[in-house]
Each structure stands twice: as structure tokens, then as C-alpha cells.
Amino acid sequence: MKIIYIATGAANMYCGTCMHDNALAAGMKAAGEDVTLFPLYTPMRLDEESVGERRIFYGGIKAYLMQKYPRPFFGAILFLALADWLIHLPPKTGEE
């Protein structure tokens, strides 16, 4: 059975939930489970090696813009197009 673990991500903060989610997914992988860890809104920032995917599942910038501008108008369409473009950029990690 394929397990997809969805974690919120914490961008540039160390709040502990990212490390907890990563450790849990790593433990399930070590136990032989087929686990994929997806960050939901922002990339995960960890002290240890990440077992998650690099691509975020649901862009936090786009979610904010959709909440802020629910009715379509030219500015919102432009902002959402920009958010789509930003989502497809590779995430910046501390490894670079």
C-alpha cells in the first residue's frame, strides 16, 4: 500500500512539526513501508536529511492570493499567474 504523508511545511522557521513529520516518514520507510512525504504549502526546513519530495503540493502564495482575491479581476488573474510561475520554480534549499 502506498502511503502519502502530507506535511504543512514551515518555510524558514524551525517549529518542530517539519522535523516530526520527516522523522515519522523516515521511520515508516525504515520499517519497509512505501511512504512519500509531500510538503503542503512551503518547503520544509530541516536539520537532518529530508525524505520528502522537493516540490510543494499546494503553493502557499497561491493559496493566500486565492483567499485574498476570491473574485476574478485583472489584478487577481495577474497575481495568480505569477503565483503559478513561482510554484514551478525549484525550491531554495540550504544546500546551495
N, C-alpha and C. Protein backbone atom coordinates (compact mmCIF):
# COMPACT_ATOMS: atom_id res chain seq x y z
N MET A 1 0.84 -1.16 0.00
CA MET A 1 0.00 0.00 0.00
C MET A 1 0.89 1.24 0.00
N LYS A 2 0.54 2.20 -0.81
CA LYS A 2 1.27 3.47 -0.90
C LYS A 2 0.72 4.43 0.15
N ILE A 3 1.61 5.00 0.94
CA ILE A 3 1.22 5.97 1.96
C ILE A 3 1.75 7.33 1.54
N ILE A 4 0.86 8.32 1.49
CA ILE A 4 1.26 9.69 1.20
C ILE A 4 1.06 10.49 2.47
N TYR A 5 2.14 11.01 3.00
CA TYR A 5 2.11 11.80 4.23
C TYR A 5 2.21 13.27 3.82
N ILE A 6 1.20 14.05 4.15
CA ILE A 6 1.17 15.46 3.77
C ILE A 6 1.54 16.29 4.99
N ALA A 7 2.63 17.04 4.87
CA ALA A 7 3.12 17.91 5.94
C ALA A 7 2.92 19.36 5.53
N THR A 8 2.67 20.23 6.50
CA THR A 8 2.39 21.63 6.16
C THR A 8 3.62 22.38 5.67
N GLY A 9 4.78 22.10 6.19
CA GLY A 9 5.96 22.88 5.84
C GLY A 9 5.99 24.14 6.69
N ALA A 10 7.17 24.67 6.93
CA ALA A 10 7.28 25.84 7.81
C ALA A 10 8.15 26.93 7.21
N ALA A 11 8.44 26.85 5.94
CA ALA A 11 9.25 27.86 5.24
C ALA A 11 10.60 28.01 5.94
N ASN A 12 10.89 29.18 6.49
CA ASN A 12 12.20 29.42 7.11
C ASN A 12 12.16 29.35 8.63
N MET A 13 11.15 28.70 9.20
CA MET A 13 11.05 28.61 10.65
C MET A 13 11.37 27.19 11.11
N TYR A 14 11.90 27.08 12.29
CA TYR A 14 12.10 25.78 12.93
C TYR A 14 11.04 25.63 14.01
N CYS A 15 9.91 25.03 13.67
CA CYS A 15 8.85 24.92 14.67
C CYS A 15 8.76 23.50 15.24
N GLY A 16 9.42 22.57 14.64
CA GLY A 16 9.40 21.21 15.16
C GLY A 16 8.48 20.27 14.42
N THR A 17 7.42 20.79 13.82
CA THR A 17 6.49 19.89 13.14
C THR A 17 7.11 19.30 11.88
N CYS A 18 7.93 20.07 11.17
CA CYS A 18 8.58 19.53 9.98
C CYS A 18 9.53 18.39 10.35
N MET A 19 10.28 18.60 11.44
CA MET A 19 11.20 17.55 11.88
C MET A 19 10.44 16.32 12.35
N HIS A 20 9.30 16.53 13.02
CA HIS A 20 8.47 15.42 13.46
C HIS A 20 7.93 14.64 12.26
N ASP A 21 7.37 15.36 11.28
CA ASP A 21 6.81 14.70 10.10
C ASP A 21 7.88 13.95 9.32
N ASN A 22 9.06 14.56 9.18
CA ASN A 22 10.15 13.92 8.46
C ASN A 22 10.63 12.67 9.20
N ALA A 23 10.75 12.75 10.53
CA ALA A 23 11.19 11.59 11.31
C ALA A 23 10.17 10.46 11.25
N LEU A 24 8.89 10.81 11.28
CA LEU A 24 7.84 9.79 11.19
C LEU A 24 7.87 9.10 9.83
N ALA A 25 7.99 9.87 8.76
CA ALA A 25 8.06 9.29 7.41
C ALA A 25 9.32 8.44 7.25
N ALA A 26 10.45 8.91 7.80
CA ALA A 26 11.69 8.14 7.72
C ALA A 26 11.57 6.83 8.49
N GLY A 27 10.91 6.87 9.64
CA GLY A 27 10.69 5.65 10.42
C GLY A 27 9.81 4.65 9.69
N MET A 28 8.77 5.16 9.03
CA MET A 28 7.90 4.25 8.26
C MET A 28 8.64 3.66 7.07
N LYS A 29 9.51 4.47 6.43
CA LYS A 29 10.32 3.93 5.33
C LYS A 29 11.29 2.87 5.84
N ALA A 30 11.89 3.12 7.01
CA ALA A 30 12.82 2.15 7.59
C ALA A 30 12.11 0.85 7.95
N ALA A 31 10.82 0.94 8.26
CA ALA A 31 10.03 -0.26 8.58
C ALA A 31 9.56 -0.99 7.33
N GLY A 32 9.90 -0.45 6.15
CA GLY A 32 9.57 -1.14 4.91
C GLY A 32 8.31 -0.65 4.22
N GLU A 33 7.72 0.43 4.71
CA GLU A 33 6.51 0.96 4.08
C GLU A 33 6.88 1.83 2.88
N ASP A 34 5.96 1.91 1.92
CA ASP A 34 6.15 2.76 0.74
C ASP A 34 5.53 4.12 1.05
N VAL A 35 6.36 5.05 1.56
CA VAL A 35 5.89 6.35 2.05
C VAL A 35 6.45 7.46 1.17
N THR A 36 5.60 8.42 0.84
CA THR A 36 6.02 9.64 0.17
C THR A 36 5.59 10.81 1.03
N LEU A 37 6.52 11.69 1.36
CA LEU A 37 6.25 12.86 2.19
C LEU A 37 6.15 14.08 1.28
N PHE A 38 4.99 14.74 1.30
CA PHE A 38 4.77 15.94 0.49
C PHE A 38 4.61 17.16 1.39
N PRO A 39 5.43 18.21 1.20
CA PRO A 39 5.16 19.47 1.88
C PRO A 39 3.93 20.12 1.25
N LEU A 40 3.03 20.63 2.06
CA LEU A 40 1.77 21.15 1.55
C LEU A 40 1.89 22.58 1.04
N TYR A 41 2.30 23.53 1.87
CA TYR A 41 2.29 24.94 1.49
C TYR A 41 3.66 25.50 1.17
N THR A 42 4.66 25.17 1.96
CA THR A 42 6.00 25.72 1.78
C THR A 42 7.02 24.60 1.93
N PRO A 43 8.23 24.78 1.40
CA PRO A 43 9.26 23.75 1.57
C PRO A 43 9.60 23.55 3.04
N MET A 44 10.03 22.34 3.36
CA MET A 44 10.37 22.02 4.75
C MET A 44 11.82 22.41 5.02
N ARG A 45 12.07 22.93 6.21
CA ARG A 45 13.43 23.27 6.63
C ARG A 45 13.81 22.34 7.76
N LEU A 46 14.86 21.57 7.54
CA LEU A 46 15.23 20.52 8.49
C LEU A 46 16.70 20.58 8.85
N ASP A 47 17.03 20.03 10.01
CA ASP A 47 18.42 19.86 10.40
C ASP A 47 18.99 18.55 9.87
N GLU A 48 18.13 17.64 9.50
CA GLU A 48 18.55 16.32 9.05
C GLU A 48 18.20 16.14 7.57
N GLU A 49 18.55 15.01 7.03
CA GLU A 49 18.25 14.73 5.62
C GLU A 49 16.75 14.54 5.43
N SER A 50 16.21 15.20 4.42
CA SER A 50 14.77 15.13 4.15
C SER A 50 14.44 13.87 3.36
N VAL A 51 13.35 13.22 3.74
CA VAL A 51 12.87 12.07 2.98
C VAL A 51 11.70 12.47 2.10
N GLY A 52 11.36 13.76 2.11
CA GLY A 52 10.21 14.26 1.37
C GLY A 52 10.54 14.66 -0.06
N GLU A 53 9.48 14.98 -0.79
CA GLU A 53 9.60 15.48 -2.14
C GLU A 53 10.05 16.93 -2.10
N ARG A 54 10.73 17.36 -3.14
CA ARG A 54 11.17 18.76 -3.20
C ARG A 54 10.04 19.68 -3.62
N ARG A 55 9.13 19.20 -4.44
CA ARG A 55 8.04 20.03 -4.95
C ARG A 55 6.95 20.15 -3.88
N ILE A 56 6.42 21.35 -3.71
CA ILE A 56 5.34 21.54 -2.76
C ILE A 56 4.02 21.13 -3.41
N PHE A 57 3.08 20.70 -2.59
CA PHE A 57 1.82 20.17 -3.08
C PHE A 57 0.83 21.27 -3.41
N TYR A 58 0.75 22.28 -2.57
CA TYR A 58 -0.26 23.33 -2.72
C TYR A 58 0.40 24.64 -2.33
N GLY A 59 0.78 25.44 -3.28
CA GLY A 59 1.57 26.63 -3.02
C GLY A 59 0.94 27.60 -2.04
N GLY A 60 1.67 27.97 -1.02
CA GLY A 60 1.17 28.89 -0.01
C GLY A 60 0.89 30.28 -0.56
N ILE A 61 1.70 30.73 -1.51
CA ILE A 61 1.48 32.05 -2.10
C ILE A 61 0.17 32.05 -2.88
N LYS A 62 -0.04 31.01 -3.67
CA LYS A 62 -1.27 30.94 -4.46
C LYS A 62 -2.49 30.81 -3.54
N ALA A 63 -2.37 30.02 -2.48
CA ALA A 63 -3.49 29.87 -1.54
C ALA A 63 -3.84 31.21 -0.89
N TYR A 64 -2.81 31.98 -0.53
CA TYR A 64 -3.06 33.31 0.05
C TYR A 64 -3.75 34.23 -0.95
N LEU A 65 -3.27 34.25 -2.20
CA LEU A 65 -3.86 35.13 -3.20
C LEU A 65 -5.29 34.72 -3.53
N MET A 66 -5.57 33.43 -3.56
CA MET A 66 -6.93 32.98 -3.83
C MET A 66 -7.87 33.37 -2.68
N GLN A 67 -7.36 33.38 -1.45
CA GLN A 67 -8.15 33.79 -0.30
C GLN A 67 -8.36 35.30 -0.29
N LYS A 68 -7.33 36.03 -0.65
CA LYS A 68 -7.37 37.49 -0.62
C LYS A 68 -8.23 38.06 -1.75
N TYR A 69 -8.15 37.45 -2.93
CA TYR A 69 -8.87 37.94 -4.11
C TYR A 69 -9.77 36.84 -4.66
N PRO A 70 -10.91 36.55 -4.01
CA PRO A 70 -11.75 35.43 -4.46
C PRO A 70 -12.47 35.69 -5.78
N ARG A 71 -12.79 36.95 -6.07
CA ARG A 71 -13.48 37.26 -7.32
C ARG A 71 -12.46 37.57 -8.40
N PRO A 72 -12.66 37.03 -9.59
CA PRO A 72 -11.68 37.28 -10.65
C PRO A 72 -11.74 38.73 -11.15
N PHE A 73 -10.63 39.35 -11.20
CA PHE A 73 -10.46 40.63 -11.87
C PHE A 73 -9.05 40.62 -12.43
N PHE A 74 -8.71 41.60 -13.24
CA PHE A 74 -7.44 41.54 -13.94
C PHE A 74 -6.25 41.41 -13.00
N GLY A 75 -6.25 42.17 -11.90
CA GLY A 75 -5.14 42.10 -10.96
C GLY A 75 -5.01 40.73 -10.32
N ALA A 76 -6.15 40.13 -9.97
CA ALA A 76 -6.11 38.79 -9.35
C ALA A 76 -5.61 37.76 -10.35
N ILE A 77 -6.06 37.87 -11.59
CA ILE A 77 -5.60 36.93 -12.62
C ILE A 77 -4.10 37.07 -12.81
N LEU A 78 -3.61 38.30 -12.81
CA LEU A 78 -2.17 38.53 -12.93
C LEU A 78 -1.42 37.96 -11.73
N PHE A 79 -1.93 38.19 -10.51
CA PHE A 79 -1.30 37.65 -9.31
C PHE A 79 -1.28 36.13 -9.32
N LEU A 80 -2.39 35.50 -9.72
CA LEU A 80 -2.45 34.04 -9.74
C LEU A 80 -1.52 33.46 -10.80
N ALA A 81 -1.40 34.15 -11.94
CA ALA A 81 -0.45 33.69 -12.96
C ALA A 81 0.98 33.78 -12.43
N LEU A 82 1.28 34.85 -11.71
CA LEU A 82 2.60 35.00 -11.10
C LEU A 82 2.83 33.91 -10.05
N ALA A 83 1.81 33.61 -9.26
CA ALA A 83 1.92 32.56 -8.25
C ALA A 83 2.16 31.20 -8.91
N ASP A 84 1.47 30.91 -10.02
CA ASP A 84 1.71 29.66 -10.74
C ASP A 84 3.15 29.58 -11.21
N TRP A 85 3.68 30.69 -11.69
CA TRP A 85 5.06 30.72 -12.16
C TRP A 85 6.02 30.48 -11.00
N LEU A 86 5.74 31.10 -9.84
CA LEU A 86 6.59 30.92 -8.67
C LEU A 86 6.56 29.49 -8.15
N ILE A 87 5.40 28.85 -8.23
CA ILE A 87 5.26 27.49 -7.74
C ILE A 87 6.16 26.53 -8.52
N HIS A 88 6.33 26.78 -9.80
CA HIS A 88 7.10 25.86 -10.63
C HIS A 88 8.60 26.10 -10.56
N LEU A 89 9.04 27.12 -9.83
CA LEU A 89 10.46 27.30 -9.61
C LEU A 89 10.95 26.25 -8.63
N PRO A 90 12.17 25.77 -8.78
CA PRO A 90 12.66 24.80 -7.80
C PRO A 90 12.83 25.46 -6.44
N PRO A 91 12.51 24.76 -5.37
CA PRO A 91 12.63 25.37 -4.04
C PRO A 91 14.08 25.63 -3.67
N LYS A 92 14.30 26.69 -2.94
CA LYS A 92 15.64 27.03 -2.48
C LYS A 92 15.91 26.24 -1.21
N THR A 93 17.00 25.54 -1.19
CA THR A 93 17.38 24.78 0.00
C THR A 93 18.68 25.34 0.56
N GLY A 94 19.02 24.95 1.74
CA GLY A 94 20.26 25.41 2.35
C GLY A 94 21.49 24.74 1.78
N GLU A 95 21.31 23.77 0.87
CA GLU A 95 22.43 23.03 0.31
C GLU A 95 23.17 23.82 -0.75
N GLU A 96 22.56 24.85 -1.29
CA GLU A 96 23.14 25.57 -2.42
C GLU A 96 24.10 26.64 -1.98
